[in-house]
């Protein structure tokens, strides 16, 4: 399978800009991504007290994306399933898939217990995980059948007609973030976060787990080759110096956006259960439920970002925090050689993050689309710069 390109997005606050302007400018970027031949646009879900996700109702924003694009696929990455009623989600997934002509991708995850707490749900990881599992089972059943019958702990349905059905059969492609083994066990594509060194470890783990649980050469439920990629926070500019000048302060703002607001809210309210857990995890993530595939223990987001900062730059002065990439198209192409060598088949960009302006993000998209993507163009995924 040829290398494909996607975009992962939080839609963070932009200093000095109103929300309506942020939305309008992001849709302009998405139109450019569509023309350039990007495979898919993936949108995160976070809720207050988090501030780094200004489209917490992804389906509302993605409805606009469906009408502003013609070829690029799109979807949540991820739906925080414990926070969604499965029937409403089945109906909205079906609507989006039909509105877009069958271009929806579905990312799923369990989210964090701090957001569950503010939604009035149980703030313990085991119940949170149980809600996730049950909602996922109902989604798969309801999206692929004319009637839904299900008897679970949180939901019960008996011969409920499913009048809205997605165009894609049996349902749109599924994605799981962060844990490649869980993704492979569930027959899902995966996007991970971290460094390229981590990607080099994740790819063979994903392939081996896919072969073990799905079978050698087995395709996804939609008949697609399994995809794995890494989120790369990018700034592409005409000179390395310009790119680093934009990216360095943006990285610090990105760190703050992801970690500080939730931590400060927990401290202000005295929510000690969300400040420290026995394994060192920041409580809005929560301890890992029992029985999940092993992976590197995830500590609080700030600690994770600090660990990225400690990654040695080596011969790559264009890398910031071990995970962000800032430089000219030539520097990006050098990085791409290393990326492709991991065996990953999906390159996931992030263009506007931290305090990066719309103009700088558009310049990055333009340079990436015209000077990087054509090197990897194929008959199956043409670059339409």
Protein backbone atom coordinates (compact mmCIF):
# COMPACT_ATOMS: atom_id res chain seq x y z
CA UNK A 1 0.00 0.00 0.00
CA UNK A 2 1.39 3.44 -0.88
CA UNK A 3 2.03 5.96 1.87
CA UNK A 4 -1.05 8.04 2.64
CA UNK A 5 -1.27 11.42 4.33
CA UNK A 6 -3.78 12.54 6.93
CA UNK A 7 -4.29 15.33 9.45
CA UNK A 8 -5.00 15.12 13.18
CA UNK A 9 -6.53 18.21 14.75
CA UNK A 10 -7.63 19.51 18.14
CA UNK A 11 -8.73 23.00 17.01
CA UNK A 12 -6.99 24.89 19.82
CA UNK A 13 -7.66 28.47 20.88
CA UNK A 14 -5.80 31.11 18.85
CA UNK A 15 -4.70 34.17 20.84
CA UNK A 16 -6.75 37.24 19.94
CA UNK A 17 -9.24 35.40 17.73
CA UNK A 18 -12.96 34.84 18.19
CA UNK A 19 -14.37 31.34 17.92
CA UNK A 20 -16.28 32.06 14.71
CA UNK A 21 -13.08 33.20 12.99
CA UNK A 22 -11.22 30.10 14.16
CA UNK A 23 -13.92 27.90 12.64
CA UNK A 24 -13.97 29.80 9.33
CA UNK A 25 -10.20 29.67 8.95
CA UNK A 26 -10.00 26.00 9.82
CA UNK A 27 -12.54 25.19 7.13
CA UNK A 28 -10.40 27.13 4.63
CA UNK A 29 -7.47 24.91 5.63
CA UNK A 30 -9.62 21.80 5.25
CA UNK A 31 -10.65 22.83 1.73
CA UNK A 32 -6.95 23.12 0.85
CA UNK A 33 -6.24 19.70 2.34
CA UNK A 34 -9.01 18.24 0.20
CA UNK A 35 -7.59 19.77 -2.99
CA UNK A 36 -4.10 18.57 -2.10
CA UNK A 37 -5.16 14.92 -1.91
CA UNK A 38 -4.93 14.22 1.82
CA UNK A 39 -6.56 10.92 2.71
CA UNK A 40 -8.42 11.91 5.88
CA UNK A 41 -8.99 14.60 8.50
CA UNK A 42 -9.22 13.33 12.11
CA UNK A 43 -10.76 15.53 14.83
CA UNK A 44 -10.25 15.02 18.57
CA UNK A 45 -12.93 15.19 21.28
CA UNK A 46 -12.33 16.92 24.63
CA UNK A 47 -14.71 18.75 26.93
CA UNK A 48 -14.52 21.39 29.61
CA UNK A 49 -12.45 21.93 31.70
CA UNK A 50 -10.09 21.10 28.84
CA UNK A 51 -9.54 24.08 26.52
CA UNK A 52 -7.53 22.54 23.69
CA UNK A 53 -10.50 21.17 21.75
CA UNK A 54 -12.83 23.87 20.45
CA UNK A 55 -15.02 21.42 18.53
CA UNK A 56 -16.18 19.17 21.39
CA UNK A 57 -19.27 18.24 19.37
CA UNK A 58 -17.29 16.79 16.50
CA UNK A 59 -20.31 15.81 14.44
CA UNK A 60 -21.50 19.43 14.22
CA UNK A 61 -18.15 20.57 12.83
CA UNK A 62 -17.76 17.49 10.64
CA UNK A 63 -21.12 18.22 9.05
CA UNK A 64 -19.52 21.40 7.69
CA UNK A 65 -16.45 19.43 6.63
CA UNK A 66 -18.69 17.06 4.67
CA UNK A 67 -20.08 19.96 2.65
CA UNK A 68 -16.76 21.76 2.13
CA UNK A 69 -14.88 18.74 0.75
CA UNK A 70 -15.37 16.31 -2.12
CA UNK A 71 -12.76 13.56 -1.79
CA UNK A 72 -11.03 13.71 1.57
CA UNK A 73 -12.31 11.34 4.20
CA UNK A 74 -12.92 12.61 7.73
CA UNK A 75 -14.07 11.61 11.17
CA UNK A 76 -13.63 11.75 14.92
CA UNK A 77 -10.40 10.55 16.42
CA UNK A 78 -11.81 9.69 18.74
CA UNK A 79 -15.39 9.60 19.89
CA UNK A 80 -15.15 9.37 23.68
CA UNK A 81 -17.67 6.54 23.77
CA UNK A 82 -18.60 6.63 27.48
CA UNK A 83 -19.95 10.17 26.96
CA UNK A 84 -22.23 9.24 24.03
CA UNK A 85 -25.62 7.57 23.93
CA UNK A 86 -25.18 4.75 21.41
CA UNK A 87 -28.49 5.30 19.61
CA UNK A 88 -27.81 8.96 18.95
CA UNK A 89 -24.31 8.09 17.79
CA UNK A 90 -25.59 5.41 15.41
CA UNK A 91 -27.99 7.93 13.88
CA UNK A 92 -25.43 10.73 13.56
CA UNK A 93 -22.80 8.41 12.12
CA UNK A 94 -25.33 7.29 9.51
CA UNK A 95 -26.21 10.91 8.72
CA UNK A 96 -22.57 11.97 8.27
CA UNK A 97 -21.72 8.97 6.13
CA UNK A 98 -24.67 9.67 3.83
CA UNK A 99 -24.10 13.44 3.74
CA UNK A 100 -20.51 12.84 2.62
CA UNK A 101 -21.15 10.10 0.10
CA UNK A 102 -19.56 7.43 2.28
CA UNK A 103 -16.41 9.23 3.45
CA UNK A 104 -16.68 8.87 7.24
CA UNK A 105 -13.98 7.27 9.40
CA UNK A 106 -14.80 6.42 13.04
CA UNK A 107 -12.22 6.70 15.81
CA UNK A 108 -13.21 5.28 19.20
CA UNK A 109 -11.76 5.54 22.69
CA UNK A 110 -12.69 5.65 26.35
CA UNK A 111 -11.41 9.13 27.20
CA UNK A 112 -10.49 10.23 30.70
CA UNK A 113 -12.26 9.92 34.02
CA UNK A 114 -12.05 13.64 34.81
CA UNK A 115 -14.30 14.57 31.91
CA UNK A 116 -16.61 11.69 32.88
CA UNK A 117 -16.79 13.17 36.38
CA UNK A 118 -17.93 16.56 35.09
CA UNK A 119 -20.55 14.79 32.95
CA UNK A 120 -22.01 13.18 36.06
CA UNK A 121 -20.67 9.72 35.28
CA UNK A 122 -18.66 7.32 37.38
CA UNK A 123 -15.10 8.58 37.71
CA UNK A 124 -13.43 5.19 38.04
CA UNK A 125 -11.51 3.55 35.21
CA UNK A 126 -13.23 0.16 35.37
CA UNK A 127 -16.73 1.58 34.91
CA UNK A 128 -15.46 4.02 32.30
CA UNK A 129 -13.96 1.11 30.36
CA UNK A 130 -17.15 -0.94 30.73
CA UNK A 131 -19.17 1.94 29.24
CA UNK A 132 -16.70 2.13 26.37
CA UNK A 133 -16.91 -1.60 25.62
CA UNK A 134 -20.71 -1.68 25.76
CA UNK A 135 -21.16 1.38 23.55
CA UNK A 136 -18.71 -0.02 20.99
CA UNK A 137 -20.58 -3.34 20.86
CA UNK A 138 -23.89 -1.54 20.34
CA UNK A 139 -22.40 0.66 17.59
CA UNK A 140 -21.13 -2.32 15.64
CA UNK A 141 -24.42 -4.16 16.02
CA UNK A 142 -26.72 -1.23 15.30
CA UNK A 143 -24.78 0.11 12.31
CA UNK A 144 -24.70 -3.26 10.57
CA UNK A 145 -28.23 -4.59 11.13
CA UNK A 146 -31.80 -3.53 10.36
CA UNK A 147 -32.80 -4.17 13.97
CA UNK A 148 -30.93 -3.76 17.24
CA UNK A 149 -31.25 -6.13 20.16
CA UNK A 150 -28.81 -5.81 23.03
CA UNK A 151 -28.91 -6.53 26.75
CA UNK A 152 -26.10 -4.86 28.66
CA UNK A 153 -25.40 -3.25 32.00
CA UNK A 154 -26.04 0.33 30.87
CA UNK A 155 -28.34 -0.15 27.85
CA UNK A 156 -31.04 -2.60 26.79
CA UNK A 157 -32.75 -2.69 23.37
CA UNK A 158 -35.12 -5.24 21.88
CA UNK A 159 -35.81 -5.45 18.15
CA UNK A 160 -35.38 -1.71 17.76
CA UNK A 161 -35.56 -0.75 14.05
CA UNK A 162 -32.49 0.94 12.65
CA UNK A 163 -34.01 3.20 10.01
CA UNK A 164 -30.80 5.16 9.40
CA UNK A 165 -27.94 3.11 7.98
CA UNK A 166 -24.47 4.18 6.84
CA UNK A 167 -23.48 3.97 3.19
CA UNK A 168 -20.33 2.01 4.01
CA UNK A 169 -20.80 -1.65 4.88
CA UNK A 170 -20.89 -3.10 7.40
CA UNK A 171 -20.04 0.30 8.91
CA UNK A 172 -17.40 3.01 8.35
CA UNK A 173 -13.75 2.10 9.08
CA UNK A 174 -12.76 2.04 12.75
CA UNK A 175 -9.67 3.61 14.33
CA UNK A 176 -8.09 3.37 17.78
CA UNK A 177 -5.46 5.79 19.06
CA UNK A 178 -2.32 5.23 21.11
CA UNK A 179 -2.33 1.45 21.64
CA UNK A 180 -1.48 -0.48 18.46
CA UNK A 181 -2.07 -3.89 20.04
CA UNK A 182 -5.61 -2.99 21.16
CA UNK A 183 -6.28 -1.63 17.66
CA UNK A 184 -5.07 -4.82 16.00
CA UNK A 185 -7.04 -7.06 18.36
CA UNK A 186 -10.19 -5.14 17.42
CA UNK A 187 -9.44 -5.09 13.68
CA UNK A 188 -8.98 -1.31 13.66
CA UNK A 189 -6.55 1.11 12.04
CA UNK A 190 -4.38 3.02 14.48
CA UNK A 191 -2.73 6.40 15.05
CA UNK A 192 -0.15 6.72 17.79
CA UNK A 193 1.43 9.72 19.47
CA UNK A 194 5.06 10.06 20.54
CA UNK A 195 8.37 9.96 18.77
CA UNK A 196 9.51 8.28 15.59
CA UNK A 197 11.52 5.87 17.76
CA UNK A 198 8.25 4.81 19.35
CA UNK A 199 6.71 4.37 15.91
CA UNK A 200 9.52 2.01 14.92
CA UNK A 201 8.56 -0.18 17.88
CA UNK A 202 4.80 0.15 17.38
CA UNK A 203 4.67 -0.91 13.73
CA UNK A 204 5.96 -4.49 14.18
CA UNK A 205 3.83 -4.87 17.33
CA UNK A 206 0.76 -3.82 15.36
CA UNK A 207 1.54 -6.11 12.43
CA UNK A 208 2.23 -9.09 14.72
CA UNK A 209 -0.93 -8.54 16.76
CA UNK A 210 -3.01 -8.13 13.58
CA UNK A 211 -1.68 -11.42 12.22
CA UNK A 212 -2.35 -13.16 15.55
CA UNK A 213 -5.89 -11.89 16.07
CA UNK A 214 -7.15 -11.23 12.52
CA UNK A 215 -5.07 -13.64 10.47
CA UNK A 216 -2.19 -13.25 8.06
CA UNK A 217 -3.15 -11.13 5.06
CA UNK A 218 -6.60 -10.41 6.48
CA UNK A 219 -8.08 -7.05 5.56
CA UNK A 220 -10.30 -4.83 7.68
CA UNK A 221 -14.08 -5.31 7.83
CA UNK A 222 -14.32 -2.84 4.92
CA UNK A 223 -11.72 -4.71 2.86
CA UNK A 224 -8.84 -2.30 3.49
CA UNK A 225 -5.22 -2.94 4.41
CA UNK A 226 -4.63 -2.02 8.06
CA UNK A 227 -3.13 1.44 8.49
CA UNK A 228 -0.75 2.72 11.18
CA UNK A 229 0.68 6.21 11.53
CA UNK A 230 2.19 8.74 13.92
CA UNK A 231 0.98 12.27 14.63
CA UNK A 232 3.73 14.69 13.55
CA UNK A 233 3.35 18.33 14.59
CA UNK A 234 4.70 20.24 11.62
CA UNK A 235 5.91 23.71 10.72
CA UNK A 236 7.17 23.93 7.15
CA UNK A 237 8.73 27.22 6.04
CA UNK A 238 11.08 28.62 3.42
CA UNK A 239 14.03 28.45 5.82
CA UNK A 240 14.83 26.28 8.82
CA UNK A 241 15.25 29.40 10.94
CA UNK A 242 11.76 30.65 10.10
CA UNK A 243 10.24 27.27 10.87
CA UNK A 244 11.96 26.98 14.25
CA UNK A 245 11.05 30.57 15.10
CA UNK A 246 7.37 29.68 14.67
CA UNK A 247 7.49 26.21 16.20
CA UNK A 248 9.49 26.82 19.38
CA UNK A 249 6.97 29.11 21.15
CA UNK A 250 4.08 27.12 19.67
CA UNK A 251 5.40 23.98 21.35
CA UNK A 252 5.39 25.69 24.75
CA UNK A 253 1.82 26.91 24.19
CA UNK A 254 0.78 23.44 23.06
CA UNK A 255 2.24 21.94 26.25
CA UNK A 256 0.26 24.42 28.33
CA UNK A 257 -3.00 23.89 26.43
CA UNK A 258 -2.91 20.12 26.86
CA UNK A 259 -1.95 19.90 30.52
CA UNK A 260 -2.37 23.06 32.57
CA UNK A 261 -6.09 24.02 32.42
CA UNK A 262 -7.36 20.66 33.64
CA UNK A 263 -4.71 20.45 36.32
CA UNK A 264 -5.52 23.96 37.56
CA UNK A 265 -9.24 23.18 37.63
CA UNK A 266 -8.65 20.07 39.70
CA UNK A 267 -6.47 22.00 42.14
CA UNK A 268 -8.97 24.87 42.41
CA UNK A 269 -11.80 22.49 43.27
CA UNK A 270 -9.70 20.28 45.56
CA UNK A 271 -10.33 17.25 43.37
CA UNK A 272 -7.39 15.30 44.71
CA UNK A 273 -8.56 12.12 42.99
CA UNK A 274 -7.63 13.76 39.69
CA UNK A 275 -4.22 14.99 40.75
CA UNK A 276 -2.40 11.77 41.46
CA UNK A 277 -3.16 8.09 41.07
CA UNK A 278 -1.20 5.14 42.40
CA UNK A 279 0.60 4.57 39.11
CA UNK A 280 1.52 8.23 38.68
CA UNK A 281 -1.17 8.92 36.10
CA UNK A 282 -2.79 12.31 36.08
CA UNK A 283 -6.33 11.58 37.18
CA UNK A 284 -8.10 12.94 34.13
CA UNK A 285 -6.58 10.00 32.31
CA UNK A 286 -7.19 7.48 35.08
CA UNK A 287 -5.50 4.22 35.91
CA UNK A 288 -5.60 1.55 33.23
CA UNK A 289 -8.45 -0.95 33.54
CA UNK A 290 -7.37 -4.49 34.24
CA UNK A 291 -6.87 -6.95 31.42
CA UNK A 292 -5.81 -4.51 28.69
CA UNK A 293 -2.81 -5.23 26.45
CA UNK A 294 0.44 -4.06 27.98
CA UNK A 295 2.02 -0.84 26.81
CA UNK A 296 4.27 1.83 28.17
CA UNK A 297 2.68 3.26 31.33
CA UNK A 298 1.13 6.61 30.50
CA UNK A 299 1.87 9.22 33.10
CA UNK A 300 0.27 12.63 33.22
CA UNK A 301 0.32 14.62 30.00
CA UNK A 302 2.80 17.17 31.29
CA UNK A 303 5.23 14.43 32.27
CA UNK A 304 4.77 12.85 28.85
CA UNK A 305 5.60 16.15 27.16
CA UNK A 306 8.65 16.57 29.38
CA UNK A 307 9.80 13.11 28.30
CA UNK A 308 9.44 14.17 24.66
CA UNK A 309 11.58 17.24 25.42
CA UNK A 310 14.34 14.98 26.71
CA UNK A 311 14.61 13.06 23.44
CA UNK A 312 18.02 13.74 21.99
CA UNK A 313 17.97 15.75 18.79
CA UNK A 314 21.06 14.02 17.51
CA UNK A 315 21.64 15.04 13.91
CA UNK A 316 18.15 16.51 13.64
CA UNK A 317 18.14 20.12 14.91
CA UNK A 318 14.74 20.55 13.25
CA UNK A 319 13.00 18.42 15.88
CA UNK A 320 11.40 20.11 18.85
CA UNK A 321 10.37 18.18 21.91
CA UNK A 322 11.28 14.96 20.15
CA UNK A 323 7.95 14.94 18.30
CA UNK A 324 7.49 18.26 16.47
CA UNK A 325 9.23 18.86 13.15
CA UNK A 326 10.18 22.34 11.96
CA UNK A 327 12.11 23.06 8.79
CA UNK A 328 12.17 23.44 5.05
CA UNK A 329 10.60 20.89 2.70
CA UNK A 330 14.06 19.39 2.34
CA UNK A 331 14.29 18.83 6.10
CA UNK A 332 10.86 17.23 6.07
CA UNK A 333 11.85 14.90 3.23
CA UNK A 334 14.90 13.79 5.21
CA UNK A 335 12.60 12.98 8.12
CA UNK A 336 10.26 11.15 5.75
CA UNK A 337 13.01 8.73 4.80
CA UNK A 338 13.31 7.71 8.43
CA UNK A 339 9.53 7.56 8.80
CA UNK A 340 9.01 5.29 5.81
CA UNK A 341 11.76 2.98 7.06
CA UNK A 342 9.62 2.14 10.11
CA UNK A 343 7.12 0.40 7.85
CA UNK A 344 4.28 2.79 8.72
CA UNK A 345 1.88 3.41 5.84
CA UNK A 346 0.13 6.55 7.13
CA UNK A 347 1.74 9.95 7.80
CA UNK A 348 -0.45 12.04 10.11
CA UNK A 349 0.24 15.79 10.08
CA UNK A 350 -0.83 18.47 12.53
CA UNK A 351 -0.52 21.93 11.03
CA UNK A 352 -2.08 24.41 13.48
CA UNK A 353 -1.22 23.77 17.10
CA UNK A 354 -0.15 25.87 20.07
CA UNK A 355 -0.27 29.52 18.99
CA UNK A 356 0.49 28.98 15.30
CA UNK A 357 -1.40 31.46 13.14
CA UNK A 358 -3.72 30.58 10.28
CA UNK A 359 -1.31 32.19 7.81
CA UNK A 360 1.64 30.13 9.05
CA UNK A 361 -0.46 26.96 9.03
CA UNK A 362 -1.56 27.65 5.45
CA UNK A 363 2.05 28.19 4.40
CA UNK A 364 3.01 24.84 5.97
CA UNK A 365 0.15 23.10 4.17
CA UNK A 366 1.12 24.72 0.86
CA UNK A 367 4.78 23.74 1.07
CA UNK A 368 3.99 20.23 2.30
CA UNK A 369 1.39 19.69 -0.44
CA UNK A 370 3.52 20.98 -3.29
CA UNK A 371 7.06 19.94 -2.31
CA UNK A 372 6.71 16.87 -0.07
CA UNK A 373 3.58 14.92 -1.01
CA UNK A 374 4.35 14.67 -4.77
CA UNK A 375 7.42 12.56 -3.91
CA UNK A 376 5.03 9.90 -2.63
CA UNK A 377 2.20 10.28 -5.14
CA UNK A 378 0.81 7.16 -6.74
CA UNK A 379 -2.03 6.23 -9.00
CA UNK A 380 -4.02 5.29 -5.92
CA UNK A 381 -3.60 8.56 -4.07
CA UNK A 382 -2.77 11.41 -6.43
CA UNK A 383 -1.44 14.67 -5.08
CA UNK A 384 -3.60 17.44 -6.47
CA UNK A 385 -1.60 20.46 -5.39
